[in-house]
Amino acid sequence: MRSEDHHGDPTASDFGATTFGAAGADSLTAVEDHGVHTEQGAGYLDTDTGSLDDVALATTGHGDAMTPSAPKGATPIETASGYPFGLASR
């Protein structure tokens, strides 16, 4: 998927990245904002988020213990535009 803001989908298999979950589990907070740190504490690297836990695992040689990534669905904008054939596929 491409847009003016995002030149490539880092979760796409052809991007080559290792994905991990960001939904939170147990006492860890789910990521609800694409920011690194947010006022709400729900950014990718905010304290007590599942994604921060997974980044720590990945960068200390324990990537096999990361939370699996759940397949994402289309966003409301993608759905409204007829994704994958509308706006989101440009």
N, C-alpha and C. Protein backbone atom coordinates (compact mmCIF):
# COMPACT_ATOMS: atom_id res chain seq x y z
N MET A 1 0.84 -1.17 0.00
CA MET A 1 0.00 0.00 0.00
C MET A 1 0.88 1.23 0.00
N ARG A 2 0.52 2.23 -0.76
CA ARG A 2 1.27 3.48 -0.82
C ARG A 2 0.32 4.66 -0.66
N SER A 3 0.82 5.70 -0.09
CA SER A 3 0.09 6.95 0.01
C SER A 3 1.12 8.07 -0.04
N GLU A 4 0.67 9.31 -0.03
CA GLU A 4 1.62 10.42 -0.05
C GLU A 4 2.48 10.42 1.21
N ASP A 5 1.92 9.99 2.34
CA ASP A 5 2.66 9.99 3.60
C ASP A 5 3.54 8.76 3.78
N HIS A 6 3.09 7.64 3.28
CA HIS A 6 3.78 6.37 3.50
C HIS A 6 4.15 5.76 2.15
N HIS A 7 5.41 5.67 1.89
CA HIS A 7 5.88 5.21 0.59
C HIS A 7 5.92 3.70 0.46
N GLY A 8 5.78 3.00 1.56
CA GLY A 8 5.74 1.56 1.53
C GLY A 8 5.13 1.04 2.82
N ASP A 9 4.44 -0.05 2.74
CA ASP A 9 3.80 -0.65 3.91
C ASP A 9 4.82 -1.53 4.61
N PRO A 10 5.29 -1.15 5.80
CA PRO A 10 6.32 -1.95 6.47
C PRO A 10 5.83 -3.30 6.94
N THR A 11 4.52 -3.54 6.87
CA THR A 11 4.01 -4.86 7.25
C THR A 11 3.84 -5.78 6.04
N ALA A 12 4.07 -5.25 4.84
CA ALA A 12 3.96 -6.07 3.63
C ALA A 12 5.15 -7.02 3.54
N SER A 13 4.91 -8.22 3.07
CA SER A 13 5.99 -9.22 3.01
C SER A 13 7.15 -8.77 2.13
N ASP A 14 6.88 -8.02 1.06
CA ASP A 14 7.96 -7.58 0.19
C ASP A 14 8.78 -6.43 0.78
N PHE A 15 8.34 -5.86 1.88
CA PHE A 15 9.11 -4.81 2.55
C PHE A 15 10.34 -5.41 3.23
N GLY A 16 10.19 -6.64 3.72
CA GLY A 16 11.32 -7.35 4.30
C GLY A 16 11.50 -7.20 5.80
N ALA A 17 10.55 -6.57 6.47
CA ALA A 17 10.67 -6.37 7.91
C ALA A 17 10.10 -7.56 8.68
N THR A 18 10.53 -7.71 9.91
CA THR A 18 9.92 -8.67 10.81
C THR A 18 8.85 -7.93 11.58
N THR A 19 7.62 -8.38 11.49
CA THR A 19 6.52 -7.70 12.17
C THR A 19 6.29 -8.32 13.55
N PHE A 20 5.63 -7.56 14.39
CA PHE A 20 5.29 -8.05 15.73
C PHE A 20 3.97 -7.42 16.14
N GLY A 21 3.35 -8.00 17.13
CA GLY A 21 2.06 -7.53 17.61
C GLY A 21 2.18 -6.20 18.33
N ALA A 22 1.09 -5.45 18.31
CA ALA A 22 1.04 -4.17 19.01
C ALA A 22 -0.28 -4.03 19.76
N ALA A 23 -1.01 -5.12 19.90
CA ALA A 23 -2.33 -5.08 20.52
C ALA A 23 -2.27 -5.05 22.04
N GLY A 24 -1.14 -5.36 22.61
CA GLY A 24 -1.03 -5.41 24.07
C GLY A 24 -1.56 -6.75 24.57
N ALA A 25 -1.09 -7.17 25.69
CA ALA A 25 -1.52 -8.44 26.29
C ALA A 25 -1.22 -8.37 27.77
N ASP A 26 -1.94 -9.14 28.52
CA ASP A 26 -1.75 -9.16 29.97
C ASP A 26 -1.86 -7.73 30.50
N SER A 27 -0.82 -7.22 31.12
CA SER A 27 -0.86 -5.88 31.69
C SER A 27 -0.28 -4.82 30.75
N LEU A 28 0.06 -5.20 29.51
CA LEU A 28 0.67 -4.27 28.57
C LEU A 28 -0.40 -3.52 27.78
N THR A 29 -0.15 -2.26 27.50
CA THR A 29 -1.08 -1.39 26.78
C THR A 29 -0.99 -1.63 25.27
N ALA A 30 -2.13 -1.58 24.61
CA ALA A 30 -2.17 -1.69 23.15
C ALA A 30 -1.75 -0.37 22.52
N VAL A 31 -1.08 -0.43 21.38
CA VAL A 31 -0.72 0.76 20.62
C VAL A 31 -1.98 1.27 19.94
N GLU A 32 -2.28 2.54 20.14
CA GLU A 32 -3.47 3.14 19.53
C GLU A 32 -3.12 4.38 18.72
N ASP A 33 -1.83 4.67 18.59
CA ASP A 33 -1.39 5.87 17.89
C ASP A 33 -0.08 5.51 17.18
N HIS A 34 0.12 6.03 15.99
CA HIS A 34 1.34 5.73 15.25
C HIS A 34 2.56 6.50 15.75
N GLY A 35 2.37 7.35 16.73
CA GLY A 35 3.49 8.10 17.28
C GLY A 35 4.41 7.21 18.10
N VAL A 36 5.62 7.66 18.28
CA VAL A 36 6.58 6.92 19.09
C VAL A 36 6.22 7.05 20.56
N HIS A 37 6.04 8.29 21.01
CA HIS A 37 5.61 8.58 22.38
C HIS A 37 4.38 9.47 22.28
N THR A 38 3.35 9.19 23.05
CA THR A 38 2.13 9.99 22.99
C THR A 38 1.70 10.42 24.38
N GLU A 39 0.89 11.45 24.44
CA GLU A 39 0.36 11.92 25.72
C GLU A 39 -0.48 10.83 26.39
N GLN A 40 -1.16 10.02 25.59
CA GLN A 40 -2.02 8.97 26.12
C GLN A 40 -1.25 7.73 26.55
N GLY A 41 0.04 7.67 26.22
CA GLY A 41 0.85 6.51 26.57
C GLY A 41 0.57 5.29 25.71
N ALA A 42 0.09 5.53 24.49
CA ALA A 42 -0.26 4.42 23.60
C ALA A 42 0.52 4.46 22.29
N GLY A 43 1.72 5.04 22.30
CA GLY A 43 2.59 5.06 21.13
C GLY A 43 3.48 3.82 21.12
N TYR A 44 4.14 3.59 20.01
CA TYR A 44 4.94 2.38 19.84
C TYR A 44 6.03 2.18 20.90
N LEU A 45 6.61 3.27 21.39
CA LEU A 45 7.69 3.12 22.36
C LEU A 45 7.35 3.70 23.73
N ASP A 46 6.07 3.86 24.01
CA ASP A 46 5.66 4.32 25.34
C ASP A 46 5.82 3.19 26.35
N THR A 47 6.07 3.59 27.60
CA THR A 47 6.24 2.64 28.70
C THR A 47 5.02 1.73 28.83
N ASP A 48 5.26 0.49 29.11
CA ASP A 48 4.23 -0.52 29.35
C ASP A 48 3.36 -0.86 28.14
N THR A 49 3.89 -0.63 26.92
CA THR A 49 3.16 -1.07 25.72
C THR A 49 3.72 -2.40 25.26
N GLY A 50 2.86 -3.19 24.63
CA GLY A 50 3.31 -4.46 24.09
C GLY A 50 4.37 -4.29 23.03
N SER A 51 4.29 -3.21 22.25
CA SER A 51 5.28 -3.00 21.20
C SER A 51 6.66 -2.68 21.78
N LEU A 52 6.72 -1.91 22.87
CA LEU A 52 8.02 -1.64 23.50
C LEU A 52 8.62 -2.94 24.01
N ASP A 53 7.80 -3.79 24.58
CA ASP A 53 8.26 -5.09 25.05
C ASP A 53 8.84 -5.90 23.88
N ASP A 54 8.14 -5.89 22.74
CA ASP A 54 8.61 -6.64 21.58
C ASP A 54 9.89 -6.04 20.99
N VAL A 55 10.01 -4.71 20.98
CA VAL A 55 11.24 -4.07 20.50
C VAL A 55 12.41 -4.48 21.39
N ALA A 56 12.17 -4.51 22.70
CA ALA A 56 13.23 -4.94 23.62
C ALA A 56 13.64 -6.38 23.33
N LEU A 57 12.69 -7.24 23.09
CA LEU A 57 13.01 -8.64 22.77
C LEU A 57 13.81 -8.73 21.47
N ALA A 58 13.37 -7.99 20.45
CA ALA A 58 14.02 -8.04 19.14
C ALA A 58 15.45 -7.53 19.19
N THR A 59 15.70 -6.51 19.99
CA THR A 59 17.03 -5.90 20.02
C THR A 59 17.98 -6.53 21.02
N THR A 60 17.50 -7.54 21.72
CA THR A 60 18.37 -8.24 22.67
C THR A 60 18.52 -9.72 22.32
N GLY A 61 18.21 -10.04 21.05
CA GLY A 61 18.41 -11.41 20.59
C GLY A 61 17.31 -12.38 20.95
N HIS A 62 16.15 -11.88 21.33
CA HIS A 62 15.04 -12.76 21.71
C HIS A 62 13.83 -12.56 20.80
N GLY A 63 14.09 -12.30 19.54
CA GLY A 63 13.01 -12.07 18.58
C GLY A 63 12.02 -13.20 18.47
N ASP A 64 12.47 -14.42 18.77
CA ASP A 64 11.56 -15.57 18.70
C ASP A 64 10.48 -15.50 19.78
N ALA A 65 10.64 -14.66 20.78
CA ALA A 65 9.66 -14.53 21.86
C ALA A 65 8.69 -13.36 21.65
N MET A 66 8.83 -12.63 20.52
CA MET A 66 7.95 -11.50 20.26
C MET A 66 6.51 -11.95 20.05
N THR A 67 5.58 -11.04 20.35
CA THR A 67 4.16 -11.28 20.11
C THR A 67 3.93 -11.38 18.60
N PRO A 68 3.22 -12.39 18.14
CA PRO A 68 2.96 -12.48 16.70
C PRO A 68 2.12 -11.31 16.21
N SER A 69 2.36 -10.91 14.99
CA SER A 69 1.59 -9.84 14.37
C SER A 69 0.25 -10.39 13.89
N ALA A 70 -0.81 -9.68 14.20
CA ALA A 70 -2.14 -10.06 13.71
C ALA A 70 -2.38 -9.38 12.38
N PRO A 71 -2.95 -10.10 11.41
CA PRO A 71 -3.22 -9.46 10.12
C PRO A 71 -4.12 -8.25 10.30
N LYS A 72 -3.79 -7.19 9.61
CA LYS A 72 -4.60 -5.98 9.72
C LYS A 72 -5.68 -5.98 8.64
N GLY A 73 -6.75 -5.34 8.94
CA GLY A 73 -7.81 -5.18 7.96
C GLY A 73 -7.71 -3.81 7.31
N ALA A 74 -8.59 -3.56 6.41
CA ALA A 74 -8.62 -2.27 5.74
C ALA A 74 -9.09 -1.19 6.71
N THR A 75 -8.52 0.00 6.59
CA THR A 75 -8.94 1.13 7.40
C THR A 75 -10.28 1.64 6.87
N PRO A 76 -10.99 2.47 7.64
CA PRO A 76 -12.25 3.04 7.12
C PRO A 76 -12.06 3.81 5.81
N ILE A 77 -10.95 4.52 5.68
CA ILE A 77 -10.69 5.27 4.44
C ILE A 77 -10.47 4.31 3.28
N GLU A 78 -9.71 3.23 3.52
CA GLU A 78 -9.48 2.25 2.46
C GLU A 78 -10.80 1.61 2.04
N THR A 79 -11.63 1.27 3.00
CA THR A 79 -12.92 0.66 2.70
C THR A 79 -13.79 1.61 1.88
N ALA A 80 -13.86 2.87 2.28
CA ALA A 80 -14.67 3.86 1.57
C ALA A 80 -14.17 4.12 0.15
N SER A 81 -12.86 3.98 -0.06
CA SER A 81 -12.29 4.27 -1.37
C SER A 81 -12.31 3.07 -2.32
N GLY A 82 -12.79 1.93 -1.83
CA GLY A 82 -12.82 0.76 -2.68
C GLY A 82 -11.53 -0.02 -2.67
N TYR A 83 -10.73 0.14 -1.61
CA TYR A 83 -9.47 -0.58 -1.47
C TYR A 83 -9.68 -2.05 -1.78
N PRO A 84 -8.84 -2.69 -2.56
CA PRO A 84 -7.52 -2.22 -2.97
C PRO A 84 -7.49 -1.48 -4.30
N PHE A 85 -8.64 -1.19 -4.88
CA PHE A 85 -8.64 -0.61 -6.21
C PHE A 85 -8.84 0.91 -6.23
N GLY A 86 -9.09 1.52 -5.10
CA GLY A 86 -9.33 2.95 -5.06
C GLY A 86 -8.15 3.75 -4.59
N LEU A 87 -8.42 4.75 -3.79
CA LEU A 87 -7.42 5.69 -3.31
C LEU A 87 -6.21 5.03 -2.68
N ALA A 88 -6.44 4.02 -1.85
CA ALA A 88 -5.34 3.42 -1.10
C ALA A 88 -4.34 2.68 -1.98
N SER A 89 -4.69 2.32 -3.17
CA SER A 89 -3.77 1.56 -4.01
C SER A 89 -2.90 2.46 -4.88
N ARG A 90 -3.07 3.77 -4.81
CA ARG A 90 -2.25 4.67 -5.62
C ARG A 90 -0.85 4.80 -5.11
